[in-house]
C-alpha atoms as a PDB file:
ATOM      1  CA  MET A   1     214.916  24.511 -67.645  1.00  0.00           C
ATOM      2  CA  LEU A   2     218.384  23.299 -68.972  1.00  0.00           C
ATOM      3  CA  MET A   3     220.809  22.211 -66.073  1.00  0.00           C
ATOM      4  CA  LYS A   4     224.356  23.814 -66.603  1.00  0.00           C
ATOM      5  CA  ALA A   5     227.780  22.284 -65.255  1.00  0.00           C
ATOM      6  CA  ASN A   6     231.053  23.299 -65.766  1.00  0.00           C
ATOM      7  CA  ILE A   7     233.913  22.030 -67.666  1.00  0.00           C
ATOM      8  CA  TYR A   8     237.025  21.137 -65.909  1.00  0.00           C
ATOM      9  CA  SER A   9     240.333  20.580 -67.549  1.00  0.00           C
ATOM     10  CA  ILE A  10     242.586  17.692 -67.004  1.00  0.00           C
ATOM     11  CA  GLU A  11     244.520  20.149 -64.607  1.00  0.00           C
ATOM     12  CA  GLY A  12     241.537  20.491 -62.522  1.00  0.00           C
ATOM     13  CA  LYS A  13     240.566  24.070 -63.553  1.00  0.00           C
ATOM     14  CA  ALA A  14     237.332  25.464 -64.634  1.00  0.00           C
ATOM     15  CA  LEU A  15     237.123  26.430 -68.094  1.00  0.00           C
ATOM     16  CA  ARG A  16     233.573  27.099 -69.095  1.00  0.00           C
ATOM     17  CA  GLN A  17     230.116  26.111 -68.353  1.00  0.00           C
ATOM     18  CA  VAL A  18     228.019  23.677 -70.651  1.00  0.00           C
ATOM     19  CA  GLU A  19     224.192  22.948 -70.991  1.00  0.00           C
ATOM     20  CA  LEU A  20     223.376  19.514 -69.778  1.00  0.00           C
ATOM     21  CA  PRO A  21     221.116  17.307 -72.058  1.00  0.00           C
ATOM     22  CA  LEU A  22     217.733  16.999 -70.671  1.00  0.00           C
ATOM     23  CA  GLN A  23     218.066  13.581 -69.461  1.00  0.00           C
ATOM     24  CA  PHE A  24     219.693  15.323 -66.511  1.00  0.00           C
ATOM     25  CA  SER A  25     216.573  16.816 -65.764  1.00  0.00           C
ATOM     26  CA  ALA A  26     214.622  13.871 -65.632  1.00  0.00           C
ATOM     27  CA  GLU A  27     212.838  12.493 -62.876  1.00  0.00           C
ATOM     28  CA  VAL A  28     215.055  10.238 -60.230  1.00  0.00           C
ATOM     29  CA  ARG A  29     212.978   6.905 -59.812  1.00  0.00           C
ATOM     30  CA  LEU A  30     215.065   5.170 -57.276  1.00  0.00           C
ATOM     31  CA  ASP A  31     212.468   1.943 -57.712  1.00  0.00           C
ATOM     32  CA  LEU A  32     212.862   1.706 -61.420  1.00  0.00           C
ATOM     33  CA  ILE A  33     216.662   1.982 -61.073  1.00  0.00           C
ATOM     34  CA  SER A  34     216.955  -0.660 -58.186  1.00  0.00           C
ATOM     35  CA  ARG A  35     214.850  -3.064 -60.442  1.00  0.00           C
ATOM     36  CA  ALA A  36     216.734  -2.604 -63.595  1.00  0.00           C
ATOM     37  CA  SER A  37     220.195  -3.003 -61.641  1.00  0.00           C
ATOM     38  CA  ILE A  38     219.148  -6.322 -60.505  1.00  0.00           C
ATOM     39  CA  SER A  39     217.480  -7.254 -63.824  1.00  0.00           C
ATOM     40  CA  ASP A  40     221.469  -6.542 -65.141  1.00  0.00           C
ATOM     41  CA  GLN A  41     222.918  -8.619 -62.381  1.00  0.00           C
ATOM     42  CA  THR A  42     220.547 -11.595 -63.002  1.00  0.00           C
ATOM     43  CA  ARG A  43     221.748 -11.972 -66.423  1.00  0.00           C
ATOM     44  CA  HIS A  44     225.183 -12.764 -65.360  1.00  0.00           C
ATOM     45  CA  TYR A  45     223.827 -15.703 -63.283  1.00  0.00           C
ATOM     46  CA  GLN A  46     224.633 -19.247 -64.901  1.00  0.00           C
ATOM     47  CA  PRO A  47     221.584 -21.414 -65.783  1.00  0.00           C
ATOM     48  CA  LYS A  48     221.093 -23.946 -63.568  1.00  0.00           C
ATOM     49  CA  GLY A  49     219.877 -27.608 -64.055  1.00  0.00           C
ATOM     50  CA  ASN A  50     221.752 -30.590 -65.160  1.00  0.00           C
ATOM     51  CA  ASP A  51     221.850 -32.820 -68.705  1.00  0.00           C
ATOM     52  CA  PRO A  52     218.148 -33.637 -69.385  1.00  0.00           C
ATOM     53  CA  ARG A  53     219.388 -37.037 -70.033  1.00  0.00           C
ATOM     54  CA  ALA A  54     221.489 -37.419 -67.133  1.00  0.00           C
ATOM     55  CA  GLY A  55     221.304 -40.932 -65.343  1.00  0.00           C
ATOM     56  CA  MET A  56     218.903 -42.175 -68.373  1.00  0.00           C
ATOM     57  CA  GLU A  57     221.853 -43.229 -70.790  1.00  0.00           C
ATOM     58  CA  THR A  58     221.878 -46.781 -69.853  1.00  0.00           C
ATOM     59  CA  SER A  59     220.836 -50.181 -71.268  1.00  0.00           C
ATOM     60  CA  ALA A  60     218.698 -50.777 -68.245  1.00  0.00           C
ATOM     61  CA  ARG A  61     214.585 -51.425 -68.722  1.00  0.00           C
ATOM     62  CA  TYR A  62     212.131 -52.875 -66.609  1.00  0.00           C
ATOM     63  CA  ARG A  63     211.559 -56.457 -66.969  1.00  0.00           C
ATOM     64  CA  GLY A  64     208.825 -57.579 -64.281  1.00  0.00           C
ATOM     65  CA  ARG A  65     206.630 -59.311 -66.530  1.00  0.00           C
ATOM     66  CA  LYS A  66     206.616 -62.928 -65.889  1.00  0.00           C
ATOM     67  CA  GLU A  67     206.748 -64.161 -69.608  1.00  0.00           C
ATOM     68  CA  ASP A  68     209.873 -61.829 -70.521  1.00  0.00           C
ATOM     69  CA  PHE A  69     212.955 -63.117 -71.399  1.00  0.00           C
ATOM     70  CA  GLY A  70     215.241 -62.819 -68.669  1.00  0.00           C
ATOM     71  CA  SER A  71     212.346 -61.708 -66.186  1.00  0.00           C
ATOM     72  CA  GLY A  72     213.037 -61.054 -62.662  1.00  0.00           C
ATOM     73  CA  LYS A  73     209.595 -62.038 -61.479  1.00  0.00           C
ATOM     74  CA  ASN A  74     209.652 -65.000 -58.740  1.00  0.00           C
ATOM     75  CA  LYS A  75     213.247 -64.817 -58.499  1.00  0.00           C
ATOM     76  CA  GLY A  76     213.672 -63.235 -55.108  1.00  0.00           C
ATOM     77  CA  THR A  77     215.026 -59.870 -56.512  1.00  0.00           C
ATOM     78  CA  ALA A  78     213.607 -56.495 -56.319  1.00  0.00           C
ATOM     79  CA  ILE A  79     211.787 -55.618 -59.699  1.00  0.00           C
ATOM     80  CA  ARG A  80     213.776 -52.759 -60.842  1.00  0.00           C
ATOM     81  CA  PRO A  81     215.090 -51.589 -64.033  1.00  0.00           C
ATOM     82  CA  ARG A  82     218.185 -53.351 -64.559  1.00  0.00           C
ATOM     83  CA  GLU A  83     221.131 -53.607 -67.097  1.00  0.00           C
ATOM     84  CA  VAL A  84     220.658 -55.733 -69.955  1.00  0.00           C
ATOM     85  CA  LEU A  85     223.229 -58.596 -69.876  1.00  0.00           C
ATOM     86  CA  PRO A  86     224.026 -61.627 -72.169  1.00  0.00           C
ATOM     87  CA  LYS A  87     221.929 -64.407 -71.661  1.00  0.00           C
ATOM     88  CA  GLY A  88     218.987 -62.771 -69.793  1.00  0.00           C
ATOM     89  CA  ARG A  89     221.391 -62.503 -66.693  1.00  0.00           C
ATOM     90  CA  LEU A  90     220.166 -59.214 -64.268  1.00  0.00           C
ATOM     91  CA  GLY A  91     222.335 -56.507 -64.025  1.00  0.00           C
ATOM     92  CA  LYS A  92     222.739 -53.611 -61.736  1.00  0.00           C
ATOM     93  CA  VAL A  93     219.869 -51.448 -61.106  1.00  0.00           C
ATOM     94  CA  LYS A  94     219.990 -47.879 -63.081  1.00  0.00           C
ATOM     95  CA  ARG A  95     217.976 -44.946 -64.293  1.00  0.00           C
ATOM     96  CA  ILE A  96     215.814 -44.637 -61.351  1.00  0.00           C
ATOM     97  CA  PRO A  97     216.510 -42.003 -58.275  1.00  0.00           C
ATOM     98  CA  SER A  98     217.307 -44.510 -55.910  1.00  0.00           C
ATOM     99  CA  ALA A  99     219.832 -46.319 -57.928  1.00  0.00           C
ATOM    100  CA  VAL A 100     223.719 -45.742 -57.658  1.00  0.00           C
ATOM    101  CA  LYS A 101     224.333 -42.931 -60.531  1.00  0.00           C
ATOM    102  CA  GLY A 102     220.555 -42.988 -61.430  1.00  0.00           C
ATOM    103  CA  ARG A 103     218.732 -39.776 -62.470  1.00  0.00           C
ATOM    104  CA  ARG A 104     217.662 -37.090 -59.974  1.00  0.00           C
ATOM    105  CA  ALA A 105     214.284 -37.008 -58.708  1.00  0.00           C
ATOM    106  CA  HIS A 106     213.298 -33.473 -59.282  1.00  0.00           C
ATOM    107  CA  PRO A 107     216.179 -31.449 -60.840  1.00  0.00           C
ATOM    108  CA  PRO A 108     216.151 -28.002 -61.399  1.00  0.00           C
ATOM    109  CA  HIS A 109     215.281 -27.233 -65.332  1.00  0.00           C
ATOM    110  CA  VAL A 110     217.970 -25.822 -67.426  1.00  0.00           C
ATOM    111  CA  ASN A 111     215.175 -23.811 -69.236  1.00  0.00           C
ATOM    112  CA  LYS A 112     214.046 -22.155 -66.130  1.00  0.00           C
ATOM    113  CA  ILE A 113     214.266 -18.065 -66.269  1.00  0.00           C
ATOM    114  CA  ILE A 114     216.379 -17.087 -63.346  1.00  0.00           C
ATOM    115  CA  PHE A 115     216.747 -13.439 -64.379  1.00  0.00           C
ATOM    116  CA  GLU A 116     214.512 -10.732 -63.623  1.00  0.00           C
ATOM    117  CA  LYS A 117     212.513  -9.471 -66.791  1.00  0.00           C
ATOM    118  CA  LEU A 118     212.083  -5.769 -67.587  1.00  0.00           C
ATOM    119  CA  ASN A 119     210.005  -4.417 -70.652  1.00  0.00           C
ATOM    120  CA  ARG A 120     212.558  -2.469 -72.789  1.00  0.00           C
ATOM    121  CA  LYS A 121     210.840   0.889 -72.470  1.00  0.00           C
ATOM    122  CA  GLU A 122     210.833   0.437 -68.719  1.00  0.00           C
ATOM    123  CA  TYR A 123     214.596  -0.165 -68.855  1.00  0.00           C
ATOM    124  CA  HIS A 124     215.220   3.011 -70.746  1.00  0.00           C
ATOM    125  CA  VAL A 125     213.337   5.354 -68.465  1.00  0.00           C
ATOM    126  CA  ALA A 126     215.452   3.609 -65.577  1.00  0.00           C
ATOM    127  CA  LEU A 127     218.680   4.215 -67.355  1.00  0.00           C
ATOM    128  CA  ILE A 128     217.777   7.795 -68.191  1.00  0.00           C
ATOM    129  CA  SER A 129     216.737   8.361 -64.245  1.00  0.00           C
ATOM    130  CA  ALA A 130     219.933   6.976 -63.192  1.00  0.00           C
ATOM    131  CA  ILE A 131     222.160   9.388 -65.149  1.00  0.00           C
ATOM    132  CA  ALA A 132     219.845  11.792 -63.899  1.00  0.00           C
ATOM    133  CA  ALA A 133     220.638  10.871 -60.500  1.00  0.00           C
ATOM    134  CA  THR A 134     224.585  11.175 -60.971  1.00  0.00           C
ATOM    135  CA  GLY A 135     223.803  15.016 -61.161  1.00  0.00           C
ATOM    136  CA  HIS A 136     222.125  15.026 -57.434  1.00  0.00           C
ATOM    137  CA  LYS A 137     224.761  15.709 -54.672  1.00  0.00           C
ATOM    138  CA  GLU A 138     222.624  14.214 -52.050  1.00  0.00           C
ATOM    139  CA  VAL A 139     221.784  10.928 -54.003  1.00  0.00           C
ATOM    140  CA  VAL A 140     225.458  10.810 -54.755  1.00  0.00           C
ATOM    141  CA  ALA A 141     226.460  11.070 -51.173  1.00  0.00           C
ATOM    142  CA  ALA A 142     223.747   8.891 -49.906  1.00  0.00           C
ATOM    143  CA  ARG A 143     225.875   5.757 -51.420  1.00  0.00           C
ATOM    144  CA  GLY A 144     229.051   6.903 -49.576  1.00  0.00           C
ATOM    145  CA  HIS A 145     231.041   9.186 -52.080  1.00  0.00           C
ATOM    146  CA  LYS A 146     233.022  11.868 -51.214  1.00  0.00           C
ATOM    147  CA  VAL A 147     232.663  14.860 -53.283  1.00  0.00           C
ATOM    148  CA  GLU A 148     233.312  18.117 -52.641  1.00  0.00           C
ATOM    149  CA  ILE A 149     232.559  19.799 -56.264  1.00  0.00           C
ATOM    150  CA  ALA A 150     229.418  20.479 -58.119  1.00  0.00           C
ATOM    151  CA  LEU A 151     227.935  17.659 -59.966  1.00  0.00           C
ATOM    152  CA  PRO A 152     227.675  16.250 -62.537  1.00  0.00           C
ATOM    153  CA  ILE A 153     231.228  16.317 -63.173  1.00  0.00           C
ATOM    154  CA  VAL A 154     232.327  17.265 -66.675  1.00  0.00           C
ATOM    155  CA  VAL A 155     235.810  17.174 -67.919  1.00  0.00           C
ATOM    156  CA  ASP A 156     237.430  18.518 -71.226  1.00  0.00           C
ATOM    157  CA  ASN A 157     237.426  16.029 -74.341  1.00  0.00           C
ATOM    158  CA  SER A 158     241.280  15.956 -73.946  1.00  0.00           C
ATOM    159  CA  PHE A 159     240.867  13.677 -71.151  1.00  0.00           C
ATOM    160  CA  GLU A 160     239.802  11.043 -73.262  1.00  0.00           C
ATOM    161  CA  SER A 161     243.403  10.700 -74.957  1.00  0.00           C
ATOM    162  CA  VAL A 162     245.075  10.239 -71.634  1.00  0.00           C
ATOM    163  CA  ALA A 163     246.973   6.753 -72.511  1.00  0.00           C
ATOM    164  CA  LYS A 164     249.001   6.308 -68.776  1.00  0.00           C
ATOM    165  CA  THR A 165     247.335   5.225 -66.007  1.00  0.00           C
ATOM    166  CA  LYS A 166     249.656   7.725 -63.699  1.00  0.00           C
ATOM    167  CA  ASP A 167     248.065  10.466 -65.760  1.00  0.00           C
ATOM    168  CA  VAL A 168     244.584   9.474 -65.020  1.00  0.00           C
ATOM    169  CA  TYR A 169     245.207   9.297 -61.454  1.00  0.00           C
ATOM    170  CA  LYS A 170     246.606  12.713 -61.211  1.00  0.00           C
ATOM    171  CA  ALA A 171     243.490  13.944 -63.097  1.00  0.00           C
ATOM    172  CA  LEU A 172     241.223  12.322 -61.120  1.00  0.00           C
ATOM    173  CA  SER A 173     243.098  13.366 -57.795  1.00  0.00           C
ATOM    174  CA  LEU A 174     242.570  16.811 -58.672  1.00  0.00           C
ATOM    175  CA  LEU A 175     238.810  16.170 -58.773  1.00  0.00           C
ATOM    176  CA  ILE A 176     237.787  13.390 -56.637  1.00  0.00           C
ATOM    177  CA  ARG A 177     240.741  12.902 -54.675  1.00  0.00           C
ATOM    178  CA  LYS A 178     238.978  12.017 -51.273  1.00  0.00           C
ATOM    179  CA  ASP A 179     236.531   9.512 -53.017  1.00  0.00           C
ATOM    180  CA  LEU A 180     239.553   7.748 -54.656  1.00  0.00           C
ATOM    181  CA  GLN A 181     241.395   7.433 -51.232  1.00  0.00           C
ATOM    182  CA  ARG A 182     237.976   5.897 -50.121  1.00  0.00           C
ATOM    183  CA  ALA A 183     238.264   3.148 -52.553  1.00  0.00           C
ATOM    184  CA  GLU A 184     241.958   2.747 -52.124  1.00  0.00           C
ATOM    185  CA  ASN A 185     241.662   1.903 -48.442  1.00  0.00           C
ATOM    186  CA  GLY A 186     239.108  -0.490 -48.788  1.00  0.00           C
ATOM    187  CA  LYS A 187     238.140  -2.689 -46.239  1.00  0.00           C
ATOM    188  CA  LYS A 188     239.212  -6.139 -45.096  1.00  0.00           C
ATOM    189  CA  ARG A 189     237.147  -9.168 -46.139  1.00  0.00           C
ATOM    190  CA  SER A 190     235.167 -10.583 -43.283  1.00  0.00           C
ATOM    191  CA  GLY A 191     234.347 -14.438 -42.370  1.00  0.00           C
ATOM    192  CA  VAL A 192     236.432 -17.112 -44.100  1.00  0.00           C
ATOM    193  CA  GLY A 193     237.606 -14.501 -46.758  1.00  0.00           C
ATOM    194  CA  SER A 194     239.743 -12.487 -43.997  1.00  0.00           C
ATOM    195  CA  ARG A 195     242.088 -15.676 -43.777  1.00  0.00           C
ATOM    196  CA  LYS A 196     242.762 -15.415 -47.515  1.00  0.00           C
ATOM    197  CA  GLY A 197     244.092 -11.898 -47.146  1.00  0.00           C
ATOM    198  CA  GLY A 198     243.302  -8.951 -49.536  1.00  0.00           C
ATOM    199  CA  LYS A 199     240.646  -6.593 -49.367  1.00  0.00           C
ATOM    200  CA  VAL A 200     237.534  -5.450 -50.783  1.00  0.00           C
ATOM    201  CA  TYR A 201     237.445  -2.159 -52.774  1.00  0.00           C
ATOM    202  CA  PRO A 202     234.110  -0.096 -52.974  1.00  0.00           C
ATOM    203  CA  LYS A 203     232.922   1.538 -56.130  1.00  0.00           C
ATOM    204  CA  SER A 204     234.604   5.044 -56.928  1.00  0.00           C
ATOM    205  CA  ALA A 205     234.007   6.981 -60.038  1.00  0.00           C
ATOM    206  CA  ILE A 206     232.744   5.841 -63.415  1.00  0.00           C
ATOM    207  CA  ILE A 207     234.103   7.481 -66.307  1.00  0.00           C
ATOM    208  CA  ALA A 208     231.803   7.837 -69.700  1.00  0.00           C
ATOM    209  CA  VAL A 209     233.677   8.557 -72.816  1.00  0.00           C
ATOM    210  CA  SER A 210     231.993   9.044 -76.372  1.00  0.00           C
ATOM    211  CA  LYS A 211     233.890   6.512 -78.189  1.00  0.00           C
ATOM    212  CA  ASP A 212     236.524   4.061 -77.986  1.00  0.00           C
ATOM    213  CA  ALA A 213     239.638   5.825 -76.650  1.00  0.00           C
ATOM    214  CA  PRO A 214     242.930   5.427 -74.955  1.00  0.00           C
ATOM    215  CA  LEU A 215     241.355   6.123 -71.567  1.00  0.00           C
ATOM    216  CA  LEU A 216     239.373   2.754 -71.473  1.00  0.00           C
ATOM    217  CA  ARG A 217     242.181   0.903 -70.897  1.00  0.00           C
ATOM    218  CA  SER A 218     244.785   3.475 -69.052  1.00  0.00           C
ATOM    219  CA  ALA A 219     241.623   3.644 -66.290  1.00  0.00           C
ATOM    220  CA  ARG A 220     240.931   0.410 -65.646  1.00  0.00           C
ATOM    221  CA  ASN A 221     243.668  -0.405 -63.256  1.00  0.00           C
ATOM    222  CA  ILE A 222     242.699   2.229 -60.870  1.00  0.00           C
ATOM    223  CA  PRO A 223     240.757   0.864 -57.808  1.00  0.00           C
ATOM    224  CA  GLY A 224     236.861   1.212 -57.758  1.00  0.00           C
ATOM    225  CA  VAL A 225     236.947   3.176 -61.058  1.00  0.00           C
ATOM    226  CA  ASP A 226     235.232   1.956 -64.451  1.00  0.00           C
ATOM    227  CA  ALA A 227     235.600   3.935 -67.914  1.00  0.00           C
ATOM    228  CA  VAL A 228     232.812   2.819 -70.559  1.00  0.00           C
ATOM    229  CA  ARG A 229     231.654   4.058 -73.477  1.00  0.00           C
ATOM    230  CA  VAL A 230     228.086   6.014 -73.240  1.00  0.00           C
ATOM    231  CA  SER A 231     226.702   3.105 -75.704  1.00  0.00           C
ATOM    232  CA  ASP A 232     227.814   0.639 -72.976  1.00  0.00           C
ATOM    233  CA  LEU A 233     226.255   2.303 -70.033  1.00  0.00           C
ATOM    234  CA  SER A 234     223.862   0.280 -67.601  1.00  0.00           C
ATOM    235  CA  ALA A 235     221.896   0.416 -64.677  1.00  0.00           C
ATOM    236  CA  GLU A 236     224.156  -1.832 -62.858  1.00  0.00           C
ATOM    237  CA  LEU A 237     227.001   0.423 -63.634  1.00  0.00           C
ATOM    238  CA  LEU A 238     225.117   3.798 -62.479  1.00  0.00           C
ATOM    239  CA  ALA A 239     223.813   1.942 -59.427  1.00  0.00           C
ATOM    240  CA  PRO A 240     226.173  -0.935 -58.221  1.00  0.00           C
ATOM    241  CA  GLY A 241     224.085  -2.945 -55.747  1.00  0.00           C
ATOM    242  CA  ALA A 242     220.644  -1.532 -56.869  1.00  0.00           C
ATOM    243  CA  LYS A 243     221.593   1.507 -55.311  1.00  0.00           C
ATOM    244  CA  ALA A 244     221.557   4.805 -57.190  1.00  0.00           C
ATOM    245  CA  GLY A 245     223.784   7.811 -57.249  1.00  0.00           C
ATOM    246  CA  ARG A 246     227.076   6.693 -58.373  1.00  0.00           C
ATOM    247  CA  LEU A 247     229.773   9.334 -58.796  1.00  0.00           C
ATOM    248  CA  ALA A 248     230.083   9.954 -62.577  1.00  0.00           C
ATOM    249  CA  ILE A 249     232.469  11.854 -64.627  1.00  0.00           C
ATOM    250  CA  TYR A 250     231.648  12.538 -68.112  1.00  0.00           C
ATOM    251  CA  THR A 251     233.808  13.932 -71.327  1.00  0.00           C
ATOM    252  CA  GLU A 252     232.142  17.085 -73.182  1.00  0.00           C
ATOM    253  CA  ALA A 253     231.765  14.528 -76.220  1.00  0.00           C
ATOM    254  CA  ALA A 254     229.944  11.998 -73.784  1.00  0.00           C
ATOM    255  CA  LEU A 255     227.201  14.668 -73.188  1.00  0.00           C
ATOM    256  CA  ALA A 256     226.310  14.770 -76.865  1.00  0.00           C
ATOM    257  CA  GLU A 257     226.089  10.903 -77.098  1.00  0.00           C
ATOM    258  CA  ILE A 258     223.747  10.967 -73.801  1.00  0.00           C
ATOM    259  CA  ALA A 259     221.481  13.610 -75.673  1.00  0.00           C
ATOM    260  CA  LYS A 260     220.773  10.655 -78.154  1.00  0.00           C
ATOM    261  CA  LEU A 261     219.463   8.416 -75.555  1.00  0.00           C
END
């Protein structure tokens, strides 16, 4: 059975009802959503490791054989890789881990996989499940969002054309005033960060639009609010912190794009 939702105008009035795509009727798999969100987060990590040739770009070589020119044997010095100097002299020890500016003993490898892999089909199921979770009020409330109207929230297509931040904020205030205030108040940074000033702002609503629109720019300075195209939706955006149920607002045209996923 298809779910239905009210379509609201930018003045906050209910205009009519619309049938939601089948994606909103999907099973909410919290385990898959969590894995997919973590997978997205790990892709932002910077690869670890250093230059594979770090500490090795030197003329130093091991000269321990007695017959070698400039050999260090029987001269009362440690036989280590040393710099090549004129006339067979012994230079500074280089290259080995115990030497100054030598290579590291066991450095992390640059090619080490540090992100969590997820199968393409499995990620698609997780994304659909994350979209379905935005329509369950109990799941959204469990994230800490404060919302009083029925979910999911769908607004008229004219919302995508709002070009001023104050107009976007006014429209959102008519729908999710309490959650906007929760994000604006934020909380003070803890630990050492508290001495640096500033606040940490929790996530509020995510606005999904059908295409490139003025709303993408006008909504980006509102604390806790993200505006993205449906094609750019990800598990990380729909489940920040690997916890499903982010408060979401869809335009009517965005629902048609979600139906194609």
